[in-house]
N, C-alpha and C. Protein backbone atom coordinates (compact mmCIF):
# COMPACT_ATOMS: atom_id res chain seq x y z
N MET A 1 111.79 101.71 107.10
CA MET A 1 112.89 101.44 106.20
C MET A 1 114.16 102.04 106.80
N GLY A 2 115.23 101.27 106.79
CA GLY A 2 116.48 101.71 107.38
C GLY A 2 117.34 102.49 106.40
N PHE A 3 118.47 102.94 106.92
CA PHE A 3 119.39 103.71 106.10
C PHE A 3 119.96 102.88 104.96
N ILE A 4 120.24 101.60 105.22
CA ILE A 4 120.79 100.75 104.16
C ILE A 4 119.79 100.62 103.02
N ASP A 5 118.54 100.30 103.37
CA ASP A 5 117.51 100.14 102.33
C ASP A 5 117.30 101.44 101.57
N SER A 6 117.28 102.56 102.29
CA SER A 6 117.10 103.86 101.62
C SER A 6 118.26 104.14 100.68
N GLY A 7 119.48 103.89 101.13
CA GLY A 7 120.64 104.12 100.29
C GLY A 7 120.62 103.27 99.03
N ILE A 8 120.31 102.00 99.20
CA ILE A 8 120.26 101.10 98.04
C ILE A 8 119.13 101.52 97.10
N ASP A 9 117.98 101.89 97.64
CA ASP A 9 116.86 102.33 96.79
C ASP A 9 117.23 103.57 95.98
N HIS A 10 117.92 104.52 96.61
CA HIS A 10 118.35 105.71 95.88
C HIS A 10 119.31 105.33 94.75
N CYS A 11 120.23 104.43 95.04
CA CYS A 11 121.18 103.99 94.01
C CYS A 11 120.45 103.29 92.87
N ARG A 12 119.53 102.41 93.20
CA ARG A 12 118.78 101.70 92.16
C ARG A 12 118.00 102.66 91.26
N ALA A 13 117.57 103.77 91.85
CA ALA A 13 116.81 104.77 91.09
C ALA A 13 117.72 105.75 90.33
N GLY A 14 119.05 105.53 90.44
CA GLY A 14 119.99 106.39 89.74
C GLY A 14 120.37 107.64 90.50
N ARG A 15 119.94 107.75 91.73
CA ARG A 15 120.29 108.89 92.57
C ARG A 15 121.51 108.51 93.42
N TRP A 16 122.65 108.34 92.75
CA TRP A 16 123.86 107.83 93.38
C TRP A 16 124.39 108.77 94.45
N ASP A 17 124.29 110.09 94.23
CA ASP A 17 124.76 111.06 95.23
C ASP A 17 124.01 110.91 96.55
N LYS A 18 122.71 110.79 96.46
CA LYS A 18 121.90 110.63 97.67
C LYS A 18 122.16 109.27 98.31
N GLY A 19 122.23 108.24 97.48
CA GLY A 19 122.46 106.89 97.99
C GLY A 19 123.78 106.76 98.72
N VAL A 20 124.83 107.37 98.19
CA VAL A 20 126.14 107.25 98.83
C VAL A 20 126.15 107.93 100.20
N GLU A 21 125.35 108.99 100.35
CA GLU A 21 125.26 109.65 101.66
C GLU A 21 124.73 108.68 102.72
N TYR A 22 123.64 108.00 102.40
CA TYR A 22 123.06 107.03 103.34
C TYR A 22 124.03 105.89 103.63
N LEU A 23 124.61 105.34 102.57
CA LEU A 23 125.47 104.17 102.74
C LEU A 23 126.75 104.51 103.49
N ARG A 24 127.32 105.67 103.25
CA ARG A 24 128.52 106.06 103.99
C ARG A 24 128.20 106.36 105.45
N TYR A 25 127.01 106.88 105.70
CA TYR A 25 126.57 107.12 107.07
C TYR A 25 126.55 105.80 107.85
N VAL A 26 125.97 104.77 107.23
CA VAL A 26 125.90 103.45 107.87
C VAL A 26 127.30 102.87 108.04
N ALA A 27 128.13 102.99 107.01
CA ALA A 27 129.49 102.43 107.08
C ALA A 27 130.30 103.08 108.19
N ALA A 28 130.08 104.36 108.43
CA ALA A 28 130.82 105.06 109.48
C ALA A 28 130.40 104.60 110.87
N ARG A 29 129.15 104.16 111.00
CA ARG A 29 128.65 103.77 112.31
C ARG A 29 128.75 102.27 112.60
N GLU A 30 128.85 101.47 111.54
CA GLU A 30 128.92 100.02 111.70
C GLU A 30 130.08 99.44 110.89
N PRO A 31 131.30 99.87 111.13
CA PRO A 31 132.40 99.45 110.25
C PRO A 31 132.70 97.95 110.30
N ARG A 32 132.45 97.31 111.42
CA ARG A 32 132.79 95.88 111.53
C ARG A 32 131.67 94.97 111.08
N GLY A 33 130.44 95.34 111.36
CA GLY A 33 129.32 94.45 111.12
C GLY A 33 128.85 94.36 109.69
N LEU A 34 129.43 95.14 108.78
CA LEU A 34 128.93 95.17 107.41
C LEU A 34 129.78 94.37 106.44
N GLY A 35 130.82 93.72 106.92
CA GLY A 35 131.69 92.95 106.05
C GLY A 35 131.01 91.76 105.40
N GLU A 36 129.89 91.34 105.95
CA GLU A 36 129.16 90.19 105.39
C GLU A 36 127.91 90.61 104.62
N ALA A 37 127.66 91.90 104.51
CA ALA A 37 126.47 92.40 103.82
C ALA A 37 126.83 92.71 102.38
N GLY A 38 126.76 91.70 101.52
CA GLY A 38 127.22 91.81 100.15
C GLY A 38 126.55 92.91 99.34
N LEU A 39 125.24 92.98 99.39
CA LEU A 39 124.53 93.97 98.60
C LEU A 39 124.89 95.39 99.05
N PHE A 40 125.01 95.58 100.35
CA PHE A 40 125.43 96.88 100.89
C PHE A 40 126.81 97.25 100.36
N LEU A 41 127.78 96.32 100.47
CA LEU A 41 129.14 96.59 99.99
C LEU A 41 129.16 96.90 98.50
N SER A 42 128.36 96.18 97.76
CA SER A 42 128.31 96.34 96.32
C SER A 42 127.82 97.74 95.94
N TYR A 43 126.72 98.15 96.53
CA TYR A 43 126.19 99.48 96.20
C TYR A 43 127.07 100.59 96.74
N LEU A 44 127.64 100.40 97.92
CA LEU A 44 128.57 101.40 98.46
C LEU A 44 129.76 101.55 97.51
N GLY A 45 130.31 100.43 97.06
CA GLY A 45 131.44 100.47 96.15
C GLY A 45 131.12 101.16 94.84
N CYS A 46 129.99 100.83 94.27
CA CYS A 46 129.59 101.44 92.99
C CYS A 46 129.32 102.93 93.18
N ALA A 47 128.66 103.29 94.28
CA ALA A 47 128.35 104.70 94.54
C ALA A 47 129.61 105.51 94.80
N VAL A 48 130.55 104.97 95.54
CA VAL A 48 131.81 105.67 95.82
C VAL A 48 132.59 105.88 94.52
N ALA A 49 132.62 104.87 93.68
CA ALA A 49 133.34 104.98 92.41
C ALA A 49 132.67 106.01 91.49
N ARG A 50 131.36 106.00 91.44
CA ARG A 50 130.63 106.90 90.54
C ARG A 50 130.66 108.35 91.01
N THR A 51 130.45 108.57 92.31
CA THR A 51 130.27 109.93 92.79
C THR A 51 131.53 110.58 93.35
N LYS A 52 132.40 109.78 93.91
CA LYS A 52 133.59 110.33 94.55
C LYS A 52 134.85 110.18 93.70
N GLY A 53 134.74 109.46 92.59
CA GLY A 53 135.89 109.26 91.73
C GLY A 53 136.95 108.35 92.32
N ARG A 54 136.56 107.55 93.30
CA ARG A 54 137.51 106.65 93.95
C ARG A 54 137.26 105.23 93.44
N GLU A 55 137.68 105.01 92.20
CA GLU A 55 137.40 103.75 91.53
C GLU A 55 138.05 102.56 92.22
N SER A 56 139.30 102.72 92.67
CA SER A 56 139.99 101.57 93.27
C SER A 56 139.31 101.15 94.57
N GLU A 57 138.86 102.11 95.37
CA GLU A 57 138.12 101.77 96.60
C GLU A 57 136.79 101.11 96.25
N GLY A 58 136.10 101.65 95.27
CA GLY A 58 134.83 101.07 94.85
C GLY A 58 135.00 99.66 94.30
N LEU A 59 136.07 99.46 93.54
CA LEU A 59 136.34 98.14 92.99
C LEU A 59 136.60 97.13 94.09
N ALA A 60 137.38 97.51 95.09
CA ALA A 60 137.67 96.60 96.21
C ALA A 60 136.38 96.22 96.95
N LEU A 61 135.50 97.18 97.15
CA LEU A 61 134.23 96.89 97.83
C LEU A 61 133.35 95.96 96.99
N CYS A 62 133.29 96.21 95.69
CA CYS A 62 132.48 95.35 94.82
C CYS A 62 133.04 93.93 94.73
N GLU A 63 134.35 93.83 94.70
CA GLU A 63 134.98 92.50 94.67
C GLU A 63 134.69 91.75 95.96
N GLN A 64 134.72 92.45 97.09
CA GLN A 64 134.37 91.82 98.37
C GLN A 64 132.92 91.37 98.35
N ALA A 65 132.05 92.18 97.77
CA ALA A 65 130.62 91.86 97.72
C ALA A 65 130.37 90.56 96.94
N VAL A 66 131.05 90.38 95.80
CA VAL A 66 130.81 89.15 95.04
C VAL A 66 131.43 87.94 95.72
N LYS A 67 132.41 88.16 96.58
CA LYS A 67 132.94 87.04 97.37
C LYS A 67 131.94 86.63 98.45
N VAL A 68 131.31 87.62 99.06
CA VAL A 68 130.37 87.35 100.15
C VAL A 68 129.05 86.79 99.60
N GLU A 69 128.53 87.40 98.54
CA GLU A 69 127.26 86.98 97.94
C GLU A 69 127.43 86.82 96.44
N PHE A 70 128.09 85.76 96.03
CA PHE A 70 128.34 85.52 94.62
C PHE A 70 127.07 85.19 93.85
N PHE A 71 126.02 84.82 94.55
CA PHE A 71 124.77 84.40 93.93
C PHE A 71 123.83 85.57 93.66
N GLN A 72 124.25 86.78 93.93
CA GLN A 72 123.41 87.98 93.79
C GLN A 72 123.79 88.70 92.48
N PRO A 73 122.90 88.68 91.47
CA PRO A 73 123.24 89.30 90.18
C PRO A 73 123.49 90.81 90.29
N GLU A 74 122.86 91.48 91.23
CA GLU A 74 123.09 92.92 91.41
C GLU A 74 124.55 93.20 91.77
N ASN A 75 125.15 92.32 92.56
CA ASN A 75 126.56 92.50 92.91
C ASN A 75 127.44 92.44 91.67
N TRP A 76 127.13 91.52 90.77
CA TRP A 76 127.90 91.38 89.54
C TRP A 76 127.68 92.60 88.64
N ALA A 77 126.46 93.14 88.62
CA ALA A 77 126.19 94.34 87.81
C ALA A 77 126.98 95.53 88.34
N ASN A 78 127.00 95.70 89.65
CA ASN A 78 127.77 96.80 90.24
C ASN A 78 129.26 96.63 89.97
N LEU A 79 129.75 95.41 90.09
CA LEU A 79 131.16 95.15 89.78
C LEU A 79 131.46 95.50 88.32
N ALA A 80 130.58 95.10 87.42
CA ALA A 80 130.78 95.41 85.99
C ALA A 80 130.80 96.91 85.77
N ASP A 81 129.89 97.64 86.41
CA ASP A 81 129.87 99.10 86.27
C ASP A 81 131.19 99.72 86.71
N VAL A 82 131.69 99.29 87.85
CA VAL A 82 132.94 99.85 88.37
C VAL A 82 134.11 99.46 87.47
N LEU A 83 134.12 98.24 86.98
CA LEU A 83 135.20 97.83 86.07
C LEU A 83 135.19 98.68 84.80
N ILE A 84 134.02 99.03 84.31
CA ILE A 84 133.92 99.91 83.15
C ILE A 84 134.49 101.28 83.47
N LEU A 85 134.15 101.79 84.65
CA LEU A 85 134.71 103.08 85.08
C LEU A 85 136.24 103.03 85.14
N CYS A 86 136.77 101.88 85.50
CA CYS A 86 138.23 101.70 85.60
C CYS A 86 138.87 101.44 84.24
N GLY A 87 138.06 101.32 83.19
CA GLY A 87 138.59 101.06 81.86
C GLY A 87 138.96 99.61 81.63
N ARG A 88 138.37 98.73 82.39
CA ARG A 88 138.69 97.29 82.30
C ARG A 88 137.51 96.54 81.68
N ARG A 89 137.31 96.79 80.40
CA ARG A 89 136.15 96.28 79.67
C ARG A 89 136.08 94.74 79.64
N ALA A 90 137.20 94.09 79.39
CA ALA A 90 137.20 92.62 79.30
C ALA A 90 136.78 92.01 80.63
N GLU A 91 137.28 92.56 81.73
CA GLU A 91 136.89 92.05 83.04
C GLU A 91 135.42 92.35 83.33
N ALA A 92 134.94 93.49 82.84
CA ALA A 92 133.52 93.83 83.00
C ALA A 92 132.65 92.81 82.27
N MET A 93 133.07 92.43 81.08
CA MET A 93 132.32 91.42 80.32
C MET A 93 132.30 90.09 81.08
N ASN A 94 133.41 89.73 81.72
CA ASN A 94 133.45 88.50 82.51
C ASN A 94 132.47 88.60 83.69
N ALA A 95 132.42 89.75 84.34
CA ALA A 95 131.50 89.94 85.46
C ALA A 95 130.06 89.83 84.98
N ILE A 96 129.77 90.40 83.82
CA ILE A 96 128.41 90.31 83.25
C ILE A 96 128.06 88.85 82.98
N GLU A 97 128.98 88.11 82.39
CA GLU A 97 128.73 86.70 82.10
C GLU A 97 128.47 85.90 83.38
N GLN A 98 129.25 86.18 84.42
CA GLN A 98 129.04 85.45 85.68
C GLN A 98 127.69 85.80 86.29
N GLY A 99 127.32 87.06 86.22
CA GLY A 99 126.01 87.47 86.72
C GLY A 99 124.88 86.87 85.92
N ARG A 100 125.06 86.81 84.61
CA ARG A 100 124.01 86.24 83.75
C ARG A 100 123.92 84.72 83.91
N ASP A 101 125.00 84.08 84.35
CA ASP A 101 124.92 82.65 84.66
C ASP A 101 123.98 82.41 85.84
N ILE A 102 123.91 83.37 86.74
CA ILE A 102 123.04 83.27 87.91
C ILE A 102 121.61 83.60 87.52
N ASP A 103 121.42 84.69 86.77
CA ASP A 103 120.08 85.10 86.35
C ASP A 103 120.20 85.75 84.98
N SER A 104 119.90 85.00 83.95
CA SER A 104 120.07 85.49 82.58
C SER A 104 119.06 86.57 82.22
N ARG A 105 118.01 86.73 83.01
CA ARG A 105 116.99 87.72 82.70
C ARG A 105 117.14 89.01 83.52
N PHE A 106 118.18 89.12 84.32
CA PHE A 106 118.36 90.31 85.16
C PHE A 106 118.57 91.53 84.25
N ARG A 107 117.65 92.46 84.30
CA ARG A 107 117.60 93.58 83.35
C ARG A 107 118.85 94.44 83.35
N ARG A 108 119.35 94.75 84.51
CA ARG A 108 120.51 95.66 84.56
C ARG A 108 121.73 95.03 83.90
N LEU A 109 121.95 93.75 84.12
CA LEU A 109 123.08 93.07 83.46
C LEU A 109 122.90 93.08 81.94
N ARG A 110 121.66 92.85 81.51
CA ARG A 110 121.39 92.86 80.07
C ARG A 110 121.63 94.25 79.48
N ALA A 111 121.25 95.30 80.23
CA ALA A 111 121.45 96.67 79.75
C ALA A 111 122.93 97.02 79.66
N ILE A 112 123.70 96.62 80.65
CA ILE A 112 125.14 96.88 80.63
C ILE A 112 125.78 96.14 79.46
N HIS A 113 125.35 94.92 79.24
CA HIS A 113 125.88 94.12 78.13
C HIS A 113 125.57 94.78 76.80
N ARG A 114 124.34 95.25 76.63
CA ARG A 114 123.97 95.95 75.38
C ARG A 114 124.81 97.22 75.20
N ARG A 115 125.01 97.95 76.30
CA ARG A 115 125.78 99.19 76.25
C ARG A 115 127.22 98.93 75.79
N LEU A 116 127.80 97.85 76.28
CA LEU A 116 129.18 97.51 75.89
C LEU A 116 129.25 96.94 74.49
N GLY A 117 128.21 96.22 74.10
CA GLY A 117 128.22 95.59 72.79
C GLY A 117 129.00 94.29 72.80
N GLU A 118 128.84 93.55 71.77
CA GLU A 118 129.56 92.29 71.64
C GLU A 118 130.96 92.56 71.09
N ARG A 119 131.92 91.89 71.65
CA ARG A 119 133.28 91.99 71.12
C ARG A 119 133.44 91.00 69.98
N ARG A 120 134.06 91.45 68.94
CA ARG A 120 134.36 90.55 67.84
C ARG A 120 135.60 89.76 68.22
N PRO A 121 135.74 88.58 67.68
CA PRO A 121 136.95 87.79 67.99
C PRO A 121 138.18 88.47 67.42
N PRO A 122 139.36 88.16 67.98
CA PRO A 122 140.58 88.73 67.41
C PRO A 122 140.74 88.32 65.95
N VAL A 123 141.35 89.18 65.16
CA VAL A 123 141.52 88.89 63.74
C VAL A 123 142.34 87.61 63.57
N LEU A 124 143.43 87.53 64.28
CA LEU A 124 144.27 86.33 64.26
C LEU A 124 144.02 85.58 65.56
N ARG A 125 143.16 84.61 65.51
CA ARG A 125 142.72 83.93 66.72
C ARG A 125 143.81 83.15 67.44
N PHE A 126 144.84 82.78 66.73
CA PHE A 126 145.92 82.03 67.37
C PHE A 126 146.84 82.94 68.19
N LEU A 127 146.68 84.26 68.03
CA LEU A 127 147.41 85.24 68.84
C LEU A 127 146.47 85.80 69.90
N GLY A 128 147.00 86.24 70.98
CA GLY A 128 146.19 86.81 72.04
C GLY A 128 145.52 88.10 71.63
N ARG A 129 144.46 88.46 72.33
CA ARG A 129 143.72 89.67 72.04
C ARG A 129 144.60 90.92 72.23
N SER A 130 145.56 90.84 73.14
CA SER A 130 146.40 92.01 73.43
C SER A 130 147.63 92.11 72.52
N ASN A 131 147.80 91.18 71.60
CA ASN A 131 148.93 91.21 70.69
C ASN A 131 148.85 92.46 69.81
N PRO A 132 149.95 93.20 69.64
CA PRO A 132 149.93 94.43 68.84
C PRO A 132 149.45 94.22 67.40
N LEU A 133 149.78 93.08 66.82
CA LEU A 133 149.33 92.80 65.46
C LEU A 133 147.81 92.70 65.41
N ASN A 134 147.22 92.04 66.41
CA ASN A 134 145.76 91.96 66.47
C ASN A 134 145.14 93.34 66.69
N HIS A 135 145.79 94.18 67.48
CA HIS A 135 145.29 95.55 67.68
C HIS A 135 145.25 96.30 66.35
N LEU A 136 146.35 96.24 65.61
CA LEU A 136 146.44 96.93 64.33
C LEU A 136 145.40 96.40 63.34
N LEU A 137 145.35 95.08 63.20
CA LEU A 137 144.40 94.49 62.25
C LEU A 137 142.95 94.72 62.69
N GLY A 138 142.72 94.76 63.99
CA GLY A 138 141.38 95.05 64.48
C GLY A 138 140.93 96.46 64.12
N ARG A 139 141.85 97.41 64.21
CA ARG A 139 141.52 98.79 63.82
C ARG A 139 141.23 98.88 62.33
N VAL A 140 142.03 98.19 61.55
CA VAL A 140 141.80 98.17 60.10
C VAL A 140 140.44 97.56 59.80
N ARG A 141 140.13 96.44 60.45
CA ARG A 141 138.83 95.78 60.24
C ARG A 141 137.68 96.72 60.60
N ALA A 142 137.83 97.45 61.70
CA ALA A 142 136.78 98.38 62.12
C ALA A 142 136.58 99.50 61.10
N GLN A 143 137.68 100.02 60.57
CA GLN A 143 137.57 101.09 59.56
C GLN A 143 136.93 100.59 58.28
N VAL A 144 137.30 99.39 57.87
CA VAL A 144 136.71 98.80 56.67
C VAL A 144 135.22 98.56 56.88
N SER A 145 134.86 98.09 58.07
CA SER A 145 133.44 97.86 58.37
C SER A 145 132.65 99.16 58.33
N ARG A 146 133.22 100.23 58.92
CA ARG A 146 132.54 101.52 58.92
C ARG A 146 132.39 102.06 57.50
N ALA A 147 133.43 101.90 56.67
CA ALA A 147 133.38 102.37 55.30
C ALA A 147 132.35 101.60 54.48
N ALA A 148 132.20 100.32 54.75
CA ALA A 148 131.22 99.50 54.03
C ALA A 148 129.79 99.91 54.38
N ILE A 149 129.58 100.38 55.59
CA ILE A 149 128.24 100.81 56.02
C ILE A 149 127.86 102.12 55.34
N LEU A 150 128.84 103.02 55.18
CA LEU A 150 128.56 104.31 54.58
C LEU A 150 128.34 104.14 53.11
């Protein structure tokens, strides 16, 4: 088993610190030849964002990975994870949807989707989701919903 496989296996097992060591080792020695290795780029990006706090670098690597291997649901899951770290929930949901279009049964995408939860539609659908009035009414709706549950 090579360094790439070991690094990816560590990441898949949740040992991101160990995985990033292997993947960065490979990236330092093969900087040119890895531009087409989508899964490698994806896990390197996710690991760098998670362990090193370099979300923008991780995001760029994950975006490159989905360009190279758009058919790989793991790449979309890693992209969604990094987008969540960046606070870009709506884009993360889009990444999850694209990954689930490829493989609707991929467990990690399903888990990320459950963790985020379903977004309710905007209160005033004819206005955009980012409209301040929708923000205000959405907060009111959430408080009313919470009060009704209690």
